[in-house]
N, C-alpha and C. Protein backbone atom coordinates (compact mmCIF):
# COMPACT_ATOMS: atom_id res chain seq x y z
N UNK A 1 -2.04 -286.03 -56.67
CA UNK A 1 -2.26 -286.97 -57.81
C UNK A 1 -0.81 -288.17 -57.51
N UNK A 2 -0.81 -289.16 -58.06
CA UNK A 2 0.69 -290.31 -58.63
C UNK A 2 1.51 -289.89 -59.14
N UNK A 3 2.43 -290.19 -59.42
CA UNK A 3 3.25 -289.68 -59.87
C UNK A 3 4.12 -290.56 -61.01
N UNK A 4 3.77 -291.91 -60.27
CA UNK A 4 4.16 -293.32 -61.50
C UNK A 4 3.10 -294.08 -62.20
N UNK A 5 3.05 -294.73 -63.28
CA UNK A 5 2.32 -295.16 -63.46
C UNK A 5 1.16 -296.35 -62.73
N UNK A 6 2.41 -296.95 -61.61
CA UNK A 6 2.09 -298.04 -61.13
C UNK A 6 1.74 -297.32 -59.27
N UNK A 7 1.67 -296.42 -59.69
CA UNK A 7 1.17 -295.60 -58.30
C UNK A 7 -0.38 -295.10 -58.55
N UNK A 8 -0.50 -295.20 -59.64
CA UNK A 8 -1.77 -294.37 -60.34
C UNK A 8 -2.85 -296.06 -60.66
N UNK A 9 -2.26 -296.59 -60.76
CA UNK A 9 -2.87 -298.16 -60.85
C UNK A 9 -3.48 -298.21 -59.68
N UNK A 10 -2.44 -298.50 -58.54
CA UNK A 10 -2.51 -298.86 -56.78
C UNK A 10 -3.83 -298.04 -56.51
N UNK A 11 -3.83 -296.59 -56.71
CA UNK A 11 -5.01 -295.67 -56.84
C UNK A 11 -5.80 -296.01 -56.77
N UNK A 12 -6.43 -296.68 -58.40
CA UNK A 12 -7.86 -296.85 -59.02
C UNK A 12 -8.06 -298.09 -58.26
N UNK A 13 -7.22 -299.61 -57.98
CA UNK A 13 -7.56 -300.68 -57.22
C UNK A 13 -7.98 -300.08 -56.16
N UNK A 14 -7.45 -299.11 -55.27
CA UNK A 14 -7.77 -298.67 -53.92
C UNK A 14 -9.35 -298.40 -53.81
N UNK A 15 -9.28 -297.58 -55.02
CA UNK A 15 -10.77 -297.48 -54.92
C UNK A 15 -11.98 -297.69 -55.22
N UNK A 16 -11.47 -298.79 -56.25
CA UNK A 16 -12.25 -299.82 -56.64
C UNK A 16 -12.78 -300.75 -55.21
N UNK A 17 -11.78 -300.86 -54.61
CA UNK A 17 -12.01 -301.92 -53.01
C UNK A 17 -13.00 -301.75 -52.48
N UNK A 18 -12.35 -300.58 -51.81
CA UNK A 18 -12.94 -299.67 -50.80
C UNK A 18 -14.41 -299.24 -50.93
N UNK A 19 -14.65 -299.09 -52.42
CA UNK A 19 -16.39 -298.90 -52.89
C UNK A 19 -16.74 -300.45 -52.78
N UNK A 20 -16.28 -301.57 -52.84
CA UNK A 20 -17.16 -302.98 -52.57
C UNK A 20 -17.20 -303.10 -50.96
N UNK A 21 -15.72 -303.20 -50.73
CA UNK A 21 -16.42 -303.12 -49.24
C UNK A 21 -17.06 -302.16 -48.36
N UNK A 22 -17.13 -301.17 -48.63
CA UNK A 22 -17.98 -300.36 -48.18
C UNK A 22 -19.25 -300.54 -48.73
N UNK A 23 -19.79 -301.65 -49.91
CA UNK A 23 -21.30 -301.98 -49.83
C UNK A 23 -21.43 -303.46 -48.73
N UNK A 24 -20.55 -303.71 -48.70
CA UNK A 24 -20.47 -305.49 -48.42
C UNK A 24 -20.88 -305.03 -46.90
N UNK A 25 -19.99 -303.53 -46.26
CA UNK A 25 -20.22 -303.32 -44.76
C UNK A 25 -21.43 -302.89 -44.41
N UNK A 26 -22.01 -302.04 -45.53
CA UNK A 26 -23.30 -301.06 -45.38
C UNK A 26 -24.47 -302.22 -45.37
N UNK A 27 -24.47 -303.90 -46.21
CA UNK A 27 -25.53 -304.24 -46.07
C UNK A 27 -24.89 -305.54 -44.55
N UNK A 28 -23.91 -305.46 -44.23
CA UNK A 28 -24.03 -306.12 -43.10
C UNK A 28 -24.19 -305.73 -41.78
N UNK A 29 -24.01 -303.92 -41.87
CA UNK A 29 -24.85 -303.31 -40.46
C UNK A 29 -26.55 -303.68 -40.98
N UNK A 30 -26.57 -303.21 -41.85
CA UNK A 30 -28.41 -302.81 -41.92
C UNK A 30 -29.06 -304.21 -41.43
N UNK A 31 -28.58 -305.92 -42.05
CA UNK A 31 -28.57 -307.05 -41.67
C UNK A 31 -28.93 -307.33 -40.32
N UNK A 32 -27.76 -306.73 -39.76
CA UNK A 32 -27.58 -306.96 -38.04
C UNK A 32 -28.77 -305.96 -37.42
N UNK A 33 -29.09 -304.70 -37.82
CA UNK A 33 -29.77 -303.86 -37.48
C UNK A 33 -31.38 -304.77 -37.26
N UNK A 34 -31.44 -305.38 -38.95
CA UNK A 34 -33.00 -306.20 -38.83
C UNK A 34 -32.84 -306.82 -37.49
N UNK A 35 -31.76 -307.73 -37.87
CA UNK A 35 -31.83 -309.05 -36.98
C UNK A 35 -32.24 -308.44 -35.31
N UNK A 36 -30.91 -307.33 -34.82
CA UNK A 36 -31.40 -307.03 -33.36
C UNK A 36 -32.65 -306.52 -32.97
N UNK A 37 -33.14 -305.41 -33.80
CA UNK A 37 -34.01 -305.02 -33.24
C UNK A 37 -35.53 -306.22 -33.40
N UNK A 38 -35.79 -307.48 -33.88
CA UNK A 38 -36.59 -308.25 -33.95
C UNK A 38 -36.77 -308.65 -32.99
N UNK A 39 -37.59 -308.55 -32.17
CA UNK A 39 -38.20 -309.18 -30.82
C UNK A 39 -37.58 -311.16 -30.67
N UNK A 40 -38.38 -311.33 -31.72
CA UNK A 40 -37.79 -312.95 -32.16
C UNK A 40 -37.06 -313.11 -33.24
N UNK A 41 -35.80 -313.02 -33.71
CA UNK A 41 -35.46 -313.30 -35.19
C UNK A 41 -35.19 -314.68 -35.54
N UNK A 42 -35.75 -314.91 -36.12
CA UNK A 42 -35.80 -316.13 -37.35
C UNK A 42 -34.11 -316.45 -38.00
N UNK A 43 -34.24 -318.19 -37.09
CA UNK A 43 -33.46 -318.73 -37.84
C UNK A 43 -32.94 -318.46 -38.78
N UNK A 44 -33.52 -318.26 -39.75
CA UNK A 44 -33.28 -318.40 -40.88
C UNK A 44 -32.31 -316.65 -41.39
N UNK A 45 -32.67 -316.03 -40.86
CA UNK A 45 -32.51 -314.42 -40.84
C UNK A 45 -30.66 -314.44 -40.56
N UNK A 46 -30.85 -315.27 -39.08
CA UNK A 46 -29.50 -315.44 -38.27
C UNK A 46 -28.43 -315.98 -39.02
N UNK A 47 -29.19 -317.21 -39.60
CA UNK A 47 -28.15 -317.79 -40.35
C UNK A 47 -27.54 -316.91 -41.69
N UNK A 48 -28.11 -316.25 -42.36
CA UNK A 48 -28.29 -316.07 -42.95
C UNK A 48 -26.81 -314.49 -42.66
N UNK A 49 -27.08 -313.80 -42.15
CA UNK A 49 -26.44 -313.18 -41.19
C UNK A 49 -25.37 -313.47 -41.09
N UNK A 50 -24.98 -314.59 -40.18
CA UNK A 50 -23.33 -315.22 -39.75
C UNK A 50 -22.89 -315.58 -40.99
N UNK A 51 -23.30 -316.16 -41.94
CA UNK A 51 -23.03 -316.59 -43.12
C UNK A 51 -22.28 -315.47 -44.24
N UNK A 52 -23.19 -314.03 -43.98
CA UNK A 52 -22.16 -313.04 -44.46
C UNK A 52 -21.23 -312.52 -43.75
N UNK A 53 -21.23 -312.48 -42.22
CA UNK A 53 -19.85 -312.09 -41.89
C UNK A 53 -18.87 -313.38 -41.91
N UNK A 54 -19.13 -314.24 -42.38
CA UNK A 54 -18.25 -315.29 -42.45
C UNK A 54 -17.33 -315.35 -44.24
N UNK A 55 -18.20 -314.76 -45.03
CA UNK A 55 -17.67 -314.13 -46.30
C UNK A 55 -17.16 -313.06 -46.10
N UNK A 56 -17.44 -311.94 -45.48
CA UNK A 56 -16.43 -310.76 -44.77
C UNK A 56 -15.65 -311.18 -44.72
N UNK A 57 -15.11 -311.74 -43.27
CA UNK A 57 -13.81 -311.80 -42.45
C UNK A 57 -13.26 -312.86 -43.76
N UNK A 58 -13.16 -313.57 -44.67
CA UNK A 58 -13.09 -314.48 -45.64
C UNK A 58 -12.29 -313.51 -46.41
N UNK A 59 -12.85 -312.80 -46.54
CA UNK A 59 -12.12 -311.60 -48.11
C UNK A 59 -11.18 -310.40 -47.20
N UNK A 60 -11.27 -310.60 -45.89
CA UNK A 60 -9.99 -309.25 -45.37
C UNK A 60 -10.92 -308.19 -45.15
N UNK A 61 -12.46 -308.08 -45.43
CA UNK A 61 -13.44 -306.95 -44.92
C UNK A 61 -13.29 -306.91 -43.98
N UNK A 62 -13.76 -307.97 -43.10
CA UNK A 62 -13.75 -307.64 -41.42
C UNK A 62 -12.36 -308.58 -40.50
N UNK A 63 -12.01 -308.03 -39.94
CA UNK A 63 -10.64 -308.87 -38.92
C UNK A 63 -11.76 -310.46 -38.73
N UNK A 64 -10.98 -311.54 -38.91
CA UNK A 64 -11.40 -312.53 -38.10
C UNK A 64 -11.97 -312.74 -36.20
N UNK A 65 -11.10 -311.59 -35.99
CA UNK A 65 -11.77 -311.86 -34.43
C UNK A 65 -12.89 -310.91 -33.92
N UNK A 66 -13.41 -309.73 -35.36
CA UNK A 66 -14.55 -309.26 -35.19
C UNK A 66 -15.36 -310.08 -35.91
N UNK A 67 -15.43 -310.41 -36.62
CA UNK A 67 -16.44 -312.00 -37.04
C UNK A 67 -16.70 -312.86 -35.59
N UNK A 68 -15.86 -313.39 -35.19
CA UNK A 68 -15.78 -314.26 -33.96
C UNK A 68 -16.73 -313.53 -33.21
N UNK A 69 -16.72 -312.38 -32.64
CA UNK A 69 -17.27 -311.75 -31.68
C UNK A 69 -18.71 -311.28 -32.25
N UNK A 70 -18.90 -310.94 -33.33
CA UNK A 70 -20.29 -310.90 -33.64
C UNK A 70 -20.66 -312.31 -33.93
N UNK A 71 -20.43 -312.75 -34.42
CA UNK A 71 -21.14 -314.57 -34.29
C UNK A 71 -21.43 -314.60 -32.88
N UNK A 72 -20.92 -314.69 -32.51
CA UNK A 72 -20.97 -315.13 -30.64
C UNK A 72 -21.86 -314.27 -29.48
N UNK A 73 -21.95 -312.60 -30.07
CA UNK A 73 -23.29 -312.63 -29.71
C UNK A 73 -24.54 -312.65 -30.36
N UNK A 74 -24.19 -312.83 -31.30
CA UNK A 74 -25.53 -313.69 -32.63
C UNK A 74 -26.43 -314.46 -31.93
N UNK A 75 -25.26 -315.50 -31.37
CA UNK A 75 -25.68 -316.91 -30.60
C UNK A 75 -25.84 -316.61 -29.78
N UNK A 76 -25.48 -315.88 -28.95
CA UNK A 76 -26.18 -315.38 -27.56
C UNK A 76 -26.90 -315.03 -27.46
N UNK A 77 -27.53 -314.29 -27.96
CA UNK A 77 -28.67 -313.27 -28.44
C UNK A 77 -30.50 -314.46 -28.60
N UNK A 78 -29.54 -315.45 -29.55
CA UNK A 78 -30.46 -316.45 -30.10
C UNK A 78 -30.94 -317.54 -28.70
N UNK A 79 -29.88 -317.40 -27.55
CA UNK A 79 -30.17 -318.20 -26.80
C UNK A 79 -30.92 -317.76 -25.78
N UNK A 80 -30.50 -316.40 -25.97
CA UNK A 80 -31.85 -315.70 -24.91
C UNK A 80 -32.33 -315.56 -25.74
N UNK A 81 -33.49 -315.40 -26.72
CA UNK A 81 -34.55 -315.21 -27.19
C UNK A 81 -35.50 -316.86 -26.91
N UNK A 82 -34.49 -317.83 -26.83
CA UNK A 82 -35.12 -318.90 -26.96
C UNK A 82 -35.66 -319.18 -25.55
N UNK A 83 -34.66 -318.94 -24.31
CA UNK A 83 -34.92 -319.18 -22.87
C UNK A 83 -36.73 -318.36 -22.43
N UNK A 84 -36.46 -317.27 -23.02
CA UNK A 84 -38.14 -316.32 -23.04
C UNK A 84 -39.03 -316.61 -23.62
N UNK A 85 -39.10 -317.84 -24.49
CA UNK A 85 -40.20 -318.03 -24.70
C UNK A 85 -40.95 -319.14 -23.41
């Protein structure tokens, strides 16, 4: 338990933020699974996933380099899917 008022407030803030961040990460994971499992993912779906990754990185939920790596892999997957057709 927090000993001071400021520590109690920080604990409340941390709990709120972690809950919000967890929901964003869960949404990202489910979008990624849906995109990867598709035989030929739609361009619209990939673009929305890239946008969600960018927003998470901007808010500090994902590290910038993690976001860049995920976007790079998505783009590479799209290129490979285009070549197979």
